N, C-alpha and C. Protein backbone atom coordinates (compact mmCIF):
# COMPACT_ATOMS: atom_id res chain seq x y z
N MET A 1 0.45 -1.19 -0.03
CA MET A 1 0.02 0.09 0.13
C MET A 1 0.96 1.55 -0.12
N ARG A 2 0.57 2.11 -1.00
CA ARG A 2 1.18 3.36 -1.05
C ARG A 2 0.34 4.27 -0.35
N ILE A 3 0.78 5.45 0.59
CA ILE A 3 0.11 6.70 0.99
C ILE A 3 0.71 7.91 0.50
N ARG A 4 0.20 8.64 -0.38
CA ARG A 4 0.89 9.66 -0.77
C ARG A 4 0.19 10.97 -0.07
N ILE A 5 1.10 11.82 0.49
CA ILE A 5 0.24 13.10 0.92
C ILE A 5 0.86 14.35 -0.11
N LEU A 6 -0.20 14.85 -0.69
CA LEU A 6 0.21 15.80 -1.97
C LEU A 6 -0.10 17.13 -0.93
N PHE A 7 0.99 17.87 -1.49
CA PHE A 7 1.05 19.07 -0.56
C PHE A 7 1.64 20.09 -1.60
N PHE A 8 1.86 21.56 -1.12
CA PHE A 8 2.43 22.61 -2.18
C PHE A 8 2.98 23.03 -1.16
N ASP A 9 4.34 23.90 -1.26
CA ASP A 9 5.35 24.32 -0.79
C ASP A 9 4.80 25.55 0.37
N GLY A 10 5.00 25.34 1.82
CA GLY A 10 4.22 26.53 2.78
C GLY A 10 3.18 26.10 3.08
N CYS A 11 2.62 25.07 2.63
CA CYS A 11 1.23 24.53 3.25
C CYS A 11 1.60 24.35 4.93
N PRO A 12 0.71 24.82 5.58
CA PRO A 12 0.46 25.11 7.04
C PRO A 12 0.16 23.90 7.84
N HIS A 13 -0.41 22.70 7.14
CA HIS A 13 -0.86 21.86 7.81
C HIS A 13 -0.23 20.28 7.38
N LEU A 14 1.01 20.27 6.71
CA LEU A 14 1.68 19.29 6.17
C LEU A 14 2.03 18.62 6.81
N ALA A 15 3.01 19.04 7.83
CA ALA A 15 3.49 18.50 9.25
C ALA A 15 2.61 17.58 10.13
N ALA A 16 1.48 18.48 10.41
CA ALA A 16 0.46 17.65 11.29
C ALA A 16 -0.06 16.47 10.25
N THR A 17 -0.35 16.75 9.26
CA THR A 17 -0.97 15.98 8.62
C THR A 17 0.00 14.49 8.55
N GLU A 18 1.15 14.68 8.23
CA GLU A 18 2.21 13.82 7.99
C GLU A 18 2.25 12.75 9.21
N ALA A 19 2.19 13.40 10.58
CA ALA A 19 2.35 12.80 11.73
C ALA A 19 1.26 11.92 11.87
N ARG A 20 -0.10 12.72 11.60
CA ARG A 20 -1.15 12.04 11.66
C ARG A 20 -1.15 10.67 10.67
N VAL A 21 -0.92 10.90 9.89
CA VAL A 21 -1.00 9.77 8.68
C VAL A 21 0.03 8.55 9.60
N GLU A 22 1.16 8.94 9.68
CA GLU A 22 2.26 8.09 10.49
C GLU A 22 1.59 7.48 11.79
N ALA A 23 0.96 8.06 12.77
CA ALA A 23 0.59 8.10 13.66
C ALA A 23 -0.64 6.55 13.57
N VAL A 24 -1.55 6.71 12.56
CA VAL A 24 -2.35 5.83 12.26
C VAL A 24 -2.00 4.49 11.41
N VAL A 25 -1.03 4.89 10.79
CA VAL A 25 -0.37 3.88 9.83
C VAL A 25 0.32 2.62 11.02
N ALA A 26 0.81 3.38 12.16
CA ALA A 26 1.40 2.52 13.41
C ALA A 26 0.60 1.97 14.13
N SER A 27 -0.77 2.60 14.58
CA SER A 27 -1.73 2.16 15.19
C SER A 27 -2.24 0.95 14.57
N LEU A 28 -2.35 0.64 13.20
CA LEU A 28 -2.96 -0.29 12.43
C LEU A 28 -1.76 -1.24 11.99
N ALA A 29 -0.71 -1.18 12.69
CA ALA A 29 0.27 -1.92 12.40
C ALA A 29 0.34 -2.11 10.77
N SER A 30 0.27 -1.21 10.04
CA SER A 30 0.44 -1.41 8.48
C SER A 30 1.79 -1.21 8.04
N ASP A 31 2.21 -2.12 7.22
CA ASP A 31 3.42 -1.66 6.44
C ASP A 31 3.37 -0.81 5.41
N ALA A 32 2.46 0.24 5.30
CA ALA A 32 2.16 1.38 4.14
C ALA A 32 3.70 2.14 3.89
N GLU A 33 3.56 2.26 2.58
CA GLU A 33 4.76 3.31 2.29
C GLU A 33 4.17 4.54 2.16
N ILE A 34 4.75 5.45 2.85
CA ILE A 34 4.40 7.28 2.84
C ILE A 34 5.29 7.94 2.27
N GLN A 35 4.75 8.51 1.20
CA GLN A 35 5.53 9.71 0.31
C GLN A 35 5.15 10.62 0.04
N LEU A 36 5.70 11.80 0.26
CA LEU A 36 5.31 13.00 0.43
C LEU A 36 5.40 13.88 -1.38
N VAL A 37 4.74 14.36 -1.68
CA VAL A 37 4.51 14.66 -3.43
C VAL A 37 4.14 15.97 -3.05
N ARG A 38 5.13 16.92 -3.81
CA ARG A 38 5.11 18.47 -3.95
C ARG A 38 4.47 18.61 -5.24
N ILE A 39 3.23 19.59 -5.23
CA ILE A 39 2.57 19.62 -6.59
C ILE A 39 2.86 21.30 -6.41
N GLU A 40 3.56 21.35 -7.81
CA GLU A 40 4.18 22.72 -8.08
C GLU A 40 3.35 23.45 -9.42
N SER A 41 2.23 23.10 -9.72
CA SER A 41 1.75 23.70 -10.95
C SER A 41 0.11 23.21 -11.08
N ALA A 42 -0.56 24.02 -11.95
CA ALA A 42 -1.79 23.30 -12.07
C ALA A 42 -2.26 22.28 -12.90
N ASP A 43 -1.30 21.86 -13.79
CA ASP A 43 -0.89 20.65 -14.82
C ASP A 43 -0.49 19.57 -13.26
N ASP A 44 0.27 19.58 -12.57
CA ASP A 44 0.63 18.72 -11.38
C ASP A 44 -0.67 18.61 -10.94
N ALA A 45 -1.41 19.68 -10.17
CA ALA A 45 -2.71 19.48 -9.75
C ALA A 45 -3.91 18.58 -10.41
N ARG A 46 -3.87 18.60 -11.74
CA ARG A 46 -4.88 17.70 -12.32
C ARG A 46 -4.55 16.20 -12.77
N ARG A 47 -3.08 16.24 -12.76
CA ARG A 47 -2.41 14.67 -12.91
C ARG A 47 -2.57 14.19 -11.73
N HIS A 48 -2.38 14.66 -10.55
CA HIS A 48 -2.44 14.01 -9.63
C HIS A 48 -3.85 14.13 -8.61
N ARG A 49 -4.81 14.53 -9.09
CA ARG A 49 -6.10 14.93 -8.61
C ARG A 49 -5.96 15.62 -7.11
N PHE A 50 -5.27 16.37 -7.17
CA PHE A 50 -4.93 17.33 -5.82
C PHE A 50 -6.28 18.35 -5.73
N LEU A 51 -6.62 18.07 -4.74
CA LEU A 51 -7.63 19.05 -4.12
C LEU A 51 -7.67 19.93 -3.37
N GLY A 52 -6.25 20.31 -3.26
CA GLY A 52 -5.64 21.13 -2.19
C GLY A 52 -4.92 20.87 -1.29
N SER A 53 -4.17 21.27 -0.28
CA SER A 53 -2.88 20.84 0.26
C SER A 53 -3.62 21.18 2.10
N PRO A 54 -3.22 19.69 2.36
CA PRO A 54 -2.99 18.54 2.11
C PRO A 54 -3.95 17.63 1.47
N THR A 55 -3.35 16.71 0.69
CA THR A 55 -4.34 15.90 -0.03
C THR A 55 -3.60 14.67 0.18
N VAL A 56 -4.41 13.65 1.12
CA VAL A 56 -4.01 12.21 1.12
C VAL A 56 -4.60 11.31 0.25
N GLN A 57 -4.18 10.24 -0.25
CA GLN A 57 -4.54 9.42 -1.31
C GLN A 57 -3.79 7.96 -1.01
N ILE A 58 -4.60 7.04 -0.93
CA ILE A 58 -4.06 5.93 -0.73
C ILE A 58 -4.08 4.81 -1.89
N ASP A 59 -2.81 4.70 -2.56
CA ASP A 59 -3.30 3.91 -4.08
C ASP A 59 -3.80 4.40 -4.87
N GLY A 60 -3.55 6.05 -5.05
CA GLY A 60 -4.19 7.02 -5.99
C GLY A 60 -5.94 7.07 -5.88
N VAL A 61 -6.21 7.00 -4.78
CA VAL A 61 -7.62 7.12 -4.02
C VAL A 61 -7.70 7.99 -2.95
N ASP A 62 -8.58 9.08 -3.04
CA ASP A 62 -8.41 10.04 -1.91
C ASP A 62 -9.16 9.66 -0.71
N ILE A 63 -8.62 9.72 0.51
CA ILE A 63 -9.06 9.08 1.46
C ILE A 63 -10.62 9.40 1.75
N GLU A 64 -11.21 10.58 1.50
CA GLU A 64 -12.35 11.22 1.50
C GLU A 64 -13.47 10.69 0.46
N PRO A 65 -14.23 9.94 0.99
CA PRO A 65 -15.02 9.06 -0.01
C PRO A 65 -15.81 10.29 -0.87
N ASP A 66 -16.41 11.29 -0.48
CA ASP A 66 -17.28 12.17 -0.87
C ASP A 66 -16.38 12.92 -1.56
N ALA A 67 -15.17 13.02 -1.90
CA ALA A 67 -14.13 13.60 -2.70
C ALA A 67 -13.92 13.12 -3.84
N ARG A 68 -13.73 11.85 -4.05
CA ARG A 68 -13.39 10.79 -5.30
C ARG A 68 -13.64 11.30 -6.24
N ALA A 69 -14.94 11.87 -6.55
CA ALA A 69 -15.58 12.39 -7.98
C ALA A 69 -15.07 14.04 -8.58
N ARG A 70 -14.73 14.32 -6.96
CA ARG A 70 -14.27 15.57 -7.74
C ARG A 70 -13.57 16.20 -8.45
N THR A 71 -13.51 17.14 -9.08
CA THR A 71 -12.50 17.48 -10.37
C THR A 71 -11.73 18.90 -10.19
N ASP A 72 -12.36 19.71 -9.25
CA ASP A 72 -11.93 21.01 -9.09
C ASP A 72 -10.48 21.10 -8.40
N PHE A 73 -9.75 20.40 -9.47
CA PHE A 73 -8.35 20.44 -9.11
C PHE A 73 -7.59 22.01 -8.91
N VAL A 74 -6.91 22.08 -7.92
CA VAL A 74 -6.35 23.54 -7.52
C VAL A 74 -5.04 23.67 -6.58
N LEU A 75 -4.19 24.81 -6.37
CA LEU A 75 -3.30 25.16 -6.22
C LEU A 75 -3.72 25.74 -5.17
N GLY A 76 -4.27 25.41 -3.54
CA GLY A 76 -4.94 25.97 -2.54
C GLY A 76 -4.83 25.33 -1.43
N CYS A 77 -5.36 25.65 -0.19
CA CYS A 77 -5.49 24.78 1.06
C CYS A 77 -7.15 24.17 0.78
N ARG A 78 -6.83 22.86 1.20
CA ARG A 78 -7.86 22.01 1.54
C ARG A 78 -8.40 21.79 3.03
N LEU A 79 -9.82 21.55 3.28
CA LEU A 79 -10.16 21.54 4.41
C LEU A 79 -10.92 19.93 4.53
N TYR A 80 -10.93 19.49 5.72
CA TYR A 80 -11.63 18.68 6.09
C TYR A 80 -12.82 18.97 6.93
N GLY A 81 -14.01 18.99 6.69
CA GLY A 81 -14.67 19.53 7.34
C GLY A 81 -14.38 21.02 7.97
N SER A 82 -14.05 21.43 9.19
CA SER A 82 -13.51 22.62 9.34
C SER A 82 -12.19 22.44 9.78
N ALA A 83 -11.60 21.47 9.50
CA ALA A 83 -10.00 21.59 9.74
C ALA A 83 -9.11 21.45 8.77
N GLY A 84 -7.85 21.70 8.69
CA GLY A 84 -6.71 21.73 7.57
C GLY A 84 -5.91 20.08 7.64
N ILE A 85 -6.55 19.29 8.57
CA ILE A 85 -5.85 18.01 8.65
C ILE A 85 -7.20 17.01 8.68
N PRO A 86 -6.51 16.31 8.00
CA PRO A 86 -7.98 15.04 8.01
C PRO A 86 -7.70 14.07 9.42
N PRO A 87 -9.18 14.04 9.55
CA PRO A 87 -9.45 13.25 10.68
C PRO A 87 -8.84 11.96 10.82
N ALA A 88 -8.43 11.33 12.04
CA ALA A 88 -7.38 10.09 11.80
C ALA A 88 -8.41 9.08 11.91
N ALA A 89 -9.71 9.31 11.93
CA ALA A 89 -10.70 8.09 11.71
C ALA A 89 -11.02 8.14 10.18
N MET A 90 -11.10 9.19 9.62
CA MET A 90 -11.23 9.03 7.65
C MET A 90 -9.62 8.40 7.25
N ILE A 91 -8.39 8.61 7.89
CA ILE A 91 -7.41 8.25 7.53
C ILE A 91 -7.58 6.36 7.92
N ALA A 92 -7.73 5.93 9.00
CA ALA A 92 -7.97 4.73 9.04
C ALA A 92 -8.71 4.14 8.31
N ALA A 93 -10.06 4.74 8.20
CA ALA A 93 -10.90 3.96 7.13
C ALA A 93 -10.67 3.52 6.02
N ALA A 94 -10.02 4.72 5.53
CA ALA A 94 -9.58 4.62 4.02
C ALA A 94 -8.53 3.59 3.85
N ILE A 95 -7.62 3.10 4.71
CA ILE A 95 -6.59 2.39 4.98
C ILE A 95 -7.28 0.88 5.01
N ARG A 96 -8.26 0.89 5.73
CA ARG A 96 -9.05 -0.24 5.93
C ARG A 96 -9.64 -0.88 4.50
N GLU A 97 -9.99 0.51 4.03
CA GLU A 97 -10.91 0.23 2.99
C GLU A 97 -9.95 -0.76 1.77
N ALA A 98 -8.77 0.04 1.68
CA ALA A 98 -7.69 -0.51 0.55
C ALA A 98 -7.26 -1.48 0.88
N VAL A 99 -7.21 -2.26 2.24
CA VAL A 99 -6.69 -3.48 2.34
C VAL A 99 -7.83 -4.66 2.11
N THR A 100 -9.23 -4.39 1.88
CA THR A 100 -10.01 -5.14 1.69
C THR A 100 -10.44 -5.26 -0.03
């Protein structure tokens, strides 16, 4: 399993998101590979299905089920509800889904 954290330079939520993803992976005893992917252009955003920084994907699939069909790829900040960091439960659910 490959978990990618997509971001743009200066994202204020990158470090906290990376720490949360690492903590969830460790709590699930997953051997997932975590990669940071810098998005530098609108073309990168479209190519990587980047919905804003940070975007977390597991094997290329967004962790937020309701966002998977979105096509508003942008170089901007992303919110998960009212927070800039995805909830641990959302990350864990996406990892479990990817395993099944």
